[in-house]
Amino acid sequence: MGVAENFKKFANNLRTTNHAIVSERCKRVTKRINLDFRGLDSSTSNSRYVGSYGRGTAIKGFSDVDILMDYHLICMQNTIVI
């Protein structure tokens, strides 16, 4: 094998393969937070992947995924609701 083939094999061995599991867990967390804080039944609204997974630079064996939740403060009758 040449250098190019060896590098391609090396790079392929680093790639993540559990995208379905990560996506499902993110959707469950997002849905729960949306229900609890916004009364919104959505598993995709107001969240995005950040960190190495969000940048597409995570490698096989990563231990966590960073999720950014987008919330704005809403003032209603002297009560702050997030």
PDB file of N, CA and C in Angstrom:
ATOM      1  N   MET A   1       0.831  -1.188   0.000  1.00  0.00           N
ATOM      2  CA  MET A   1       0.000   0.000   0.000  1.00  0.00           C
ATOM      3  C   MET A   1       0.870   1.243   0.000  1.00  0.00           C
ATOM      4  N   GLY A   2       0.378   2.242  -0.725  1.00  0.00           N
ATOM      5  CA  GLY A   2       1.081   3.512  -0.772  1.00  0.00           C
ATOM      6  C   GLY A   2       0.644   4.419   0.368  1.00  0.00           C
ATOM      7  N   VAL A   3       1.284   5.563   0.444  1.00  0.00           N
ATOM      8  CA  VAL A   3       0.980   6.535   1.493  1.00  0.00           C
ATOM      9  C   VAL A   3      -0.480   6.982   1.403  1.00  0.00           C
ATOM     10  N   ALA A   4      -0.954   7.260   0.197  1.00  0.00           N
ATOM     11  CA  ALA A   4      -2.333   7.729   0.020  1.00  0.00           C
ATOM     12  C   ALA A   4      -3.335   6.688   0.505  1.00  0.00           C
ATOM     13  N   GLU A   5      -3.115   5.441   0.161  1.00  0.00           N
ATOM     14  CA  GLU A   5      -4.024   4.371   0.593  1.00  0.00           C
ATOM     15  C   GLU A   5      -3.980   4.188   2.106  1.00  0.00           C
ATOM     16  N   ASN A   6      -2.795   4.250   2.679  1.00  0.00           N
ATOM     17  CA  ASN A   6      -2.663   4.125   4.137  1.00  0.00           C
ATOM     18  C   ASN A   6      -3.369   5.271   4.856  1.00  0.00           C
ATOM     19  N   PHE A   7      -3.215   6.484   4.328  1.00  0.00           N
ATOM     20  CA  PHE A   7      -3.870   7.626   4.957  1.00  0.00           C
ATOM     21  C   PHE A   7      -5.383   7.512   4.843  1.00  0.00           C
ATOM     22  N   LYS A   8      -5.876   7.081   3.696  1.00  0.00           N
ATOM     23  CA  LYS A   8      -7.320   6.913   3.507  1.00  0.00           C
ATOM     24  C   LYS A   8      -7.864   5.886   4.496  1.00  0.00           C
ATOM     25  N   LYS A   9      -7.158   4.792   4.686  1.00  0.00           N
ATOM     26  CA  LYS A   9      -7.574   3.767   5.645  1.00  0.00           C
ATOM     27  C   LYS A   9      -7.568   4.344   7.068  1.00  0.00           C
ATOM     28  N   PHE A  10      -6.522   5.078   7.402  1.00  0.00           N
ATOM     29  CA  PHE A  10      -6.414   5.712   8.715  1.00  0.00           C
ATOM     30  C   PHE A  10      -7.585   6.664   8.955  1.00  0.00           C
ATOM     31  N   ALA A  11      -7.868   7.533   7.984  1.00  0.00           N
ATOM     32  CA  ALA A  11      -8.955   8.508   8.119  1.00  0.00           C
ATOM     33  C   ALA A  11     -10.305   7.808   8.247  1.00  0.00           C
ATOM     34  N   ASN A  12     -10.532   6.760   7.484  1.00  0.00           N
ATOM     35  CA  ASN A  12     -11.796   6.019   7.570  1.00  0.00           C
ATOM     36  C   ASN A  12     -11.974   5.355   8.928  1.00  0.00           C
ATOM     37  N   ASN A  13     -10.894   4.930   9.542  1.00  0.00           N
ATOM     38  CA  ASN A  13     -10.975   4.309  10.869  1.00  0.00           C
ATOM     39  C   ASN A  13     -11.345   5.310  11.958  1.00  0.00           C
ATOM     40  N   LEU A  14     -11.156   6.603  11.710  1.00  0.00           N
ATOM     41  CA  LEU A  14     -11.492   7.638  12.687  1.00  0.00           C
ATOM     42  C   LEU A  14     -12.942   8.106  12.589  1.00  0.00           C
ATOM     43  N   ARG A  15     -13.612   7.824  11.488  1.00  0.00           N
ATOM     44  CA  ARG A  15     -14.964   8.346  11.257  1.00  0.00           C
ATOM     45  C   ARG A  15     -15.972   7.759  12.226  1.00  0.00           C
ATOM     46  N   THR A  16     -16.919   8.598  12.602  1.00  0.00           N
ATOM     47  CA  THR A  16     -17.988   8.149  13.495  1.00  0.00           C
ATOM     48  C   THR A  16     -18.997   7.330  12.699  1.00  0.00           C
ATOM     49  N   THR A  17     -19.630   6.383  13.387  1.00  0.00           N
ATOM     50  CA  THR A  17     -20.591   5.509  12.708  1.00  0.00           C
ATOM     51  C   THR A  17     -21.937   5.464  13.416  1.00  0.00           C
ATOM     52  N   ASN A  18     -22.089   6.184  14.499  1.00  0.00           N
ATOM     53  CA  ASN A  18     -23.315   6.091  15.291  1.00  0.00           C
ATOM     54  C   ASN A  18     -24.210   7.324  15.142  1.00  0.00           C
ATOM     55  N   HIS A  19     -24.350   7.832  13.937  1.00  0.00           N
ATOM     56  CA  HIS A  19     -25.132   9.051  13.703  1.00  0.00           C
ATOM     57  C   HIS A  19     -26.605   8.876  14.075  1.00  0.00           C
ATOM     58  N   ALA A  20     -27.173   7.716  13.825  1.00  0.00           N
ATOM     59  CA  ALA A  20     -28.591   7.490  14.144  1.00  0.00           C
ATOM     60  C   ALA A  20     -28.832   7.563  15.649  1.00  0.00           C
ATOM     61  N   ILE A  21     -27.937   6.996  16.439  1.00  0.00           N
ATOM     62  CA  ILE A  21     -28.073   7.023  17.902  1.00  0.00           C
ATOM     63  C   ILE A  21     -27.941   8.454  18.413  1.00  0.00           C
ATOM     64  N   VAL A  22     -26.955   9.179  17.921  1.00  0.00           N
ATOM     65  CA  VAL A  22     -26.745  10.568  18.340  1.00  0.00           C
ATOM     66  C   VAL A  22     -27.966  11.407  17.990  1.00  0.00           C
ATOM     67  N   SER A  23     -28.472  11.252  16.787  1.00  0.00           N
ATOM     68  CA  SER A  23     -29.634  12.021  16.344  1.00  0.00           C
ATOM     69  C   SER A  23     -30.856  11.735  17.207  1.00  0.00           C
ATOM     70  N   GLU A  24     -31.118  10.474  17.498  1.00  0.00           N
ATOM     71  CA  GLU A  24     -32.283  10.103  18.310  1.00  0.00           C
ATOM     72  C   GLU A  24     -32.175  10.669  19.724  1.00  0.00           C
ATOM     73  N   ARG A  25     -31.011  10.589  20.326  1.00  0.00           N
ATOM     74  CA  ARG A  25     -30.827  11.126  21.684  1.00  0.00           C
ATOM     75  C   ARG A  25     -30.978  12.640  21.705  1.00  0.00           C
ATOM     76  N   CYS A  26     -30.432  13.309  20.700  1.00  0.00           N
ATOM     77  CA  CYS A  26     -30.566  14.763  20.618  1.00  0.00           C
ATOM     78  C   CYS A  26     -32.030  15.152  20.473  1.00  0.00           C
ATOM     79  N   LYS A  27     -32.766  14.425  19.661  1.00  0.00           N
ATOM     80  CA  LYS A  27     -34.191  14.713  19.471  1.00  0.00           C
ATOM     81  C   LYS A  27     -34.971  14.530  20.762  1.00  0.00           C
ATOM     82  N   ARG A  28     -34.652  13.484  21.528  1.00  0.00           N
ATOM     83  CA  ARG A  28     -35.360  13.258  22.796  1.00  0.00           C
ATOM     84  C   ARG A  28     -35.082  14.383  23.787  1.00  0.00           C
ATOM     85  N   VAL A  29     -33.828  14.781  23.900  1.00  0.00           N
ATOM     86  CA  VAL A  29     -33.457  15.866  24.816  1.00  0.00           C
ATOM     87  C   VAL A  29     -34.115  17.174  24.377  1.00  0.00           C
ATOM     88  N   THR A  30     -34.038  17.478  23.095  1.00  0.00           N
ATOM     89  CA  THR A  30     -34.628  18.707  22.566  1.00  0.00           C
ATOM     90  C   THR A  30     -36.133  18.742  22.796  1.00  0.00           C
ATOM     91  N   LYS A  31     -36.801  17.628  22.540  1.00  0.00           N
ATOM     92  CA  LYS A  31     -38.253  17.577  22.731  1.00  0.00           C
ATOM     93  C   LYS A  31     -38.624  17.826  24.189  1.00  0.00           C
ATOM     94  N   ARG A  32     -37.891  17.189  25.109  1.00  0.00           N
ATOM     95  CA  ARG A  32     -38.190  17.362  26.531  1.00  0.00           C
ATOM     96  C   ARG A  32     -38.010  18.814  26.961  1.00  0.00           C
ATOM     97  N   ILE A  33     -36.906  19.427  26.550  1.00  0.00           N
ATOM     98  CA  ILE A  33     -36.653  20.822  26.915  1.00  0.00           C
ATOM     99  C   ILE A  33     -37.701  21.735  26.288  1.00  0.00           C
ATOM    100  N   ASN A  34     -38.038  21.502  25.030  1.00  0.00           N
ATOM    101  CA  ASN A  34     -39.075  22.309  24.377  1.00  0.00           C
ATOM    102  C   ASN A  34     -40.421  22.171  25.080  1.00  0.00           C
ATOM    103  N   LEU A  35     -40.781  20.959  25.495  1.00  0.00           N
ATOM    104  CA  LEU A  35     -42.046  20.758  26.209  1.00  0.00           C
ATOM    105  C   LEU A  35     -42.031  21.452  27.564  1.00  0.00           C
ATOM    106  N   ASP A  36     -40.960  21.277  28.309  1.00  0.00           N
ATOM    107  CA  ASP A  36     -40.891  21.816  29.665  1.00  0.00           C
ATOM    108  C   ASP A  36     -40.797  23.337  29.709  1.00  0.00           C
ATOM    109  N   PHE A  37     -40.077  23.935  28.785  1.00  0.00           N
ATOM    110  CA  PHE A  37     -39.825  25.365  28.860  1.00  0.00           C
ATOM    111  C   PHE A  37     -40.621  26.210  27.872  1.00  0.00           C
ATOM    112  N   ARG A  38     -41.149  25.604  26.830  1.00  0.00           N
ATOM    113  CA  ARG A  38     -41.881  26.378  25.830  1.00  0.00           C
ATOM    114  C   ARG A  38     -43.284  25.848  25.570  1.00  0.00           C
ATOM    115  N   GLY A  39     -43.594  24.656  26.065  1.00  0.00           N
ATOM    116  CA  GLY A  39     -44.878  24.052  25.745  1.00  0.00           C
ATOM    117  C   GLY A  39     -44.958  23.677  24.271  1.00  0.00           C
ATOM    118  N   LEU A  40     -43.817  23.457  23.666  1.00  0.00           N
ATOM    119  CA  LEU A  40     -43.715  23.172  22.237  1.00  0.00           C
ATOM    120  C   LEU A  40     -43.388  21.698  22.041  1.00  0.00           C
ATOM    121  N   ASP A  41     -44.214  20.998  21.265  1.00  0.00           N
ATOM    122  CA  ASP A  41     -44.006  19.569  21.026  1.00  0.00           C
ATOM    123  C   ASP A  41     -43.163  19.376  19.759  1.00  0.00           C
ATOM    124  N   SER A  42     -41.883  19.702  19.855  1.00  0.00           N
ATOM    125  CA  SER A  42     -40.982  19.598  18.709  1.00  0.00           C
ATOM    126  C   SER A  42     -39.657  18.995  19.152  1.00  0.00           C
ATOM    127  N   SER A  43     -39.167  18.069  18.350  1.00  0.00           N
ATOM    128  CA  SER A  43     -37.885  17.442  18.673  1.00  0.00           C
ATOM    129  C   SER A  43     -36.731  18.062  17.892  1.00  0.00           C
ATOM    130  N   THR A  44     -37.022  19.095  17.099  1.00  0.00           N
ATOM    131  CA  THR A  44     -35.957  19.706  16.300  1.00  0.00           C
ATOM    132  C   THR A  44     -35.837  21.219  16.465  1.00  0.00           C
ATOM    133  N   SER A  45     -36.897  21.891  16.874  1.00  0.00           N
ATOM    134  CA  SER A  45     -36.858  23.357  16.978  1.00  0.00           C
ATOM    135  C   SER A  45     -35.946  23.815  18.109  1.00  0.00           C
ATOM    136  N   ASN A  46     -35.251  24.893  17.876  1.00  0.00           N
ATOM    137  CA  ASN A  46     -34.461  25.603  18.890  1.00  0.00           C
ATOM    138  C   ASN A  46     -33.182  24.905  19.319  1.00  0.00           C
ATOM    139  N   SER A  47     -32.710  23.906  18.605  1.00  0.00           N
ATOM    140  CA  SER A  47     -31.450  23.270  19.005  1.00  0.00           C
ATOM    141  C   SER A  47     -30.554  23.066  17.796  1.00  0.00           C
ATOM    142  N   ARG A  48     -29.258  22.995  18.084  1.00  0.00           N
ATOM    143  CA  ARG A  48     -28.300  22.680  17.028  1.00  0.00           C
ATOM    144  C   ARG A  48     -27.076  22.028  17.656  1.00  0.00           C
ATOM    145  N   TYR A  49     -26.423  21.213  16.854  1.00  0.00           N
ATOM    146  CA  TYR A  49     -25.184  20.594  17.301  1.00  0.00           C
ATOM    147  C   TYR A  49     -24.074  21.637  17.276  1.00  0.00           C
ATOM    148  N   VAL A  50     -23.236  21.635  18.297  1.00  0.00           N
ATOM    149  CA  VAL A  50     -22.047  22.483  18.330  1.00  0.00           C
ATOM    150  C   VAL A  50     -20.875  21.598  18.738  1.00  0.00           C
ATOM    151  N   GLY A  51     -19.733  22.171  18.927  1.00  0.00           N
ATOM    152  CA  GLY A  51     -18.566  21.379  19.316  1.00  0.00           C
ATOM    153  C   GLY A  51     -18.052  20.549  18.151  1.00  0.00           C
ATOM    154  N   SER A  52     -17.284  19.533  18.448  1.00  0.00           N
ATOM    155  CA  SER A  52     -16.657  18.739  17.389  1.00  0.00           C
ATOM    156  C   SER A  52     -17.687  18.020  16.528  1.00  0.00           C
ATOM    157  N   TYR A  53     -18.776  17.538  17.125  1.00  0.00           N
ATOM    158  CA  TYR A  53     -19.802  16.857  16.328  1.00  0.00           C
ATOM    159  C   TYR A  53     -20.479  17.851  15.388  1.00  0.00           C
ATOM    160  N   GLY A  54     -20.770  19.031  15.872  1.00  0.00           N
ATOM    161  CA  GLY A  54     -21.391  20.058  15.041  1.00  0.00           C
ATOM    162  C   GLY A  54     -20.496  20.531  13.910  1.00  0.00           C
ATOM    163  N   ARG A  55     -19.190  20.540  14.146  1.00  0.00           N
ATOM    164  CA  ARG A  55     -18.238  20.950  13.108  1.00  0.00           C
ATOM    165  C   ARG A  55     -17.903  19.815  12.153  1.00  0.00           C
ATOM    166  N   GLY A  56     -18.307  18.595  12.509  1.00  0.00           N
ATOM    167  CA  GLY A  56     -17.976  17.449  11.672  1.00  0.00           C
ATOM    168  C   GLY A  56     -16.565  16.946  11.893  1.00  0.00           C
ATOM    169  N   THR A  57     -15.981  17.267  13.062  1.00  0.00           N
ATOM    170  CA  THR A  57     -14.609  16.840  13.343  1.00  0.00           C
ATOM    171  C   THR A  57     -14.527  15.813  14.472  1.00  0.00           C
ATOM    172  N   ALA A  58     -15.677  15.290  14.904  1.00  0.00           N
ATOM    173  CA  ALA A  58     -15.666  14.262  15.955  1.00  0.00           C
ATOM    174  C   ALA A  58     -15.045  12.986  15.390  1.00  0.00           C
ATOM    175  N   ILE A  59     -14.363  12.255  16.249  1.00  0.00           N
ATOM    176  CA  ILE A  59     -13.764  10.997  15.815  1.00  0.00           C
ATOM    177  C   ILE A  59     -14.418   9.839  16.558  1.00  0.00           C
ATOM    178  N   LYS A  60     -14.244   8.653  16.011  1.00  0.00           N
ATOM    179  CA  LYS A  60     -14.827   7.454  16.603  1.00  0.00           C
ATOM    180  C   LYS A  60     -14.420   7.351  18.067  1.00  0.00           C
ATOM    181  N   GLY A  61     -15.401   7.047  18.906  1.00  0.00           N
ATOM    182  CA  GLY A  61     -15.123   6.920  20.325  1.00  0.00           C
ATOM    183  C   GLY A  61     -15.390   8.188  21.114  1.00  0.00           C
ATOM    184  N   PHE A  62     -15.974   9.227  20.475  1.00  0.00           N
ATOM    185  CA  PHE A  62     -16.252  10.455  21.217  1.00  0.00           C
ATOM    186  C   PHE A  62     -17.242  10.150  22.328  1.00  0.00           C
ATOM    187  N   SER A  63     -17.175  10.916  23.410  1.00  0.00           N
ATOM    188  CA  SER A  63     -17.962  10.576  24.601  1.00  0.00           C
ATOM    189  C   SER A  63     -19.176  11.460  24.820  1.00  0.00           C
ATOM    190  N   ASP A  64     -19.255  12.587  24.131  1.00  0.00           N
ATOM    191  CA  ASP A  64     -20.414  13.456  24.332  1.00  0.00           C
ATOM    192  C   ASP A  64     -20.679  14.271  23.076  1.00  0.00           C
ATOM    193  N   VAL A  65     -21.887  14.814  23.029  1.00  0.00           N
ATOM    194  CA  VAL A  65     -22.277  15.696  21.933  1.00  0.00           C
ATOM    195  C   VAL A  65     -22.806  16.974  22.560  1.00  0.00           C
ATOM    196  N   ASP A  66     -22.318  18.103  22.101  1.00  0.00           N
ATOM    197  CA  ASP A  66     -22.761  19.396  22.621  1.00  0.00           C
ATOM    198  C   ASP A  66     -23.953  19.879  21.809  1.00  0.00           C
ATOM    199  N   ILE A  67     -25.015  20.258  22.524  1.00  0.00           N
ATOM    200  CA  ILE A  67     -26.224  20.770  21.890  1.00  0.00           C
ATOM    201  C   ILE A  67     -26.461  22.181  22.411  1.00  0.00           C
ATOM    202  N   LEU A  68     -26.689  23.106  21.511  1.00  0.00           N
ATOM    203  CA  LEU A  68     -26.997  24.479  21.885  1.00  0.00           C
ATOM    204  C   LEU A  68     -28.504  24.674  21.748  1.00  0.00           C
ATOM    205  N   MET A  69     -29.143  25.094  22.842  1.00  0.00           N
ATOM    206  CA  MET A  69     -30.577  25.380  22.820  1.00  0.00           C
ATOM    207  C   MET A  69     -30.756  26.889  22.720  1.00  0.00           C
ATOM    208  N   ASP A  70     -31.617  27.326  21.844  1.00  0.00           N
ATOM    209  CA  ASP A  70     -31.864  28.744  21.599  1.00  0.00           C
ATOM    210  C   ASP A  70     -33.146  29.170  22.303  1.00  0.00           C
ATOM    211  N   TYR A  71     -32.999  29.999  23.323  1.00  0.00           N
ATOM    212  CA  TYR A  71     -34.161  30.497  24.055  1.00  0.00           C
ATOM    213  C   TYR A  71     -34.038  31.988  24.277  1.00  0.00           C
ATOM    214  N   HIS A  72     -35.160  32.661  24.138  1.00  0.00           N
ATOM    215  CA  HIS A  72     -35.242  34.097  24.388  1.00  0.00           C
ATOM    216  C   HIS A  72     -36.132  34.310  25.600  1.00  0.00           C
ATOM    217  N   LEU A  73     -35.818  35.302  26.396  1.00  0.00           N
ATOM    218  CA  LEU A  73     -36.661  35.629  27.543  1.00  0.00           C
ATOM    219  C   LEU A  73     -37.914  36.353  27.070  1.00  0.00           C
ATOM    220  N   ILE A  74     -39.045  35.943  27.615  1.00  0.00           N
ATOM    221  CA  ILE A  74     -40.320  36.572  27.292  1.00  0.00           C
ATOM    222  C   ILE A  74     -40.913  37.092  28.595  1.00  0.00           C
ATOM    223  N   CYS A  75     -41.243  38.372  28.658  1.00  0.00           N
ATOM    224  CA  CYS A  75     -41.839  38.947  29.862  1.00  0.00           C
ATOM    225  C   CYS A  75     -43.356  38.972  29.714  1.00  0.00           C
ATOM    226  N   MET A  76     -44.042  38.380  30.694  1.00  0.00           N
ATOM    227  CA  MET A  76     -45.503  38.349  30.679  1.00  0.00           C
ATOM    228  C   MET A  76     -46.014  38.682  32.075  1.00  0.00           C
ATOM    229  N   GLN A  77     -46.738  39.773  32.227  1.00  0.00           N
ATOM    230  CA  GLN A  77     -47.358  40.167  33.492  1.00  0.00           C
ATOM    231  C   GLN A  77     -46.391  40.059  34.672  1.00  0.00           C
ATOM    232  N   ASN A  78     -45.258  40.707  34.560  1.00  0.00           N
ATOM    233  CA  ASN A  78     -44.242  40.740  35.617  1.00  0.00           C
ATOM    234  C   ASN A  78     -43.619  39.379  35.917  1.00  0.00           C
ATOM    235  N   THR A  79     -43.794  38.411  35.046  1.00  0.00           N
ATOM    236  CA  THR A  79     -43.193  37.093  35.220  1.00  0.00           C
ATOM    237  C   THR A  79     -42.258  36.849  34.046  1.00  0.00           C
ATOM    238  N   ILE A  80     -41.069  36.401  34.338  1.00  0.00           N
ATOM    239  CA  ILE A  80     -40.137  36.078  33.266  1.00  0.00           C
ATOM    240  C   ILE A  80     -40.282  34.598  32.959  1.00  0.00           C
ATOM    241  N   VAL A  81     -40.585  34.303  31.709  1.00  0.00           N
ATOM    242  CA  VAL A  81     -40.727  32.922  31.251  1.00  0.00           C
ATOM    243  C   VAL A  81     -39.616  32.651  30.264  1.00  0.00           C
ATOM    244  N   ILE A  82     -38.950  31.547  30.429  1.00  0.00           N
ATOM    245  CA  ILE A  82     -37.871  31.188  29.507  1.00  0.00           C
ATOM    246  C   ILE A  82     -38.426  30.238  28.471  1.00  0.00           C
TER     247      ILE A  82
END
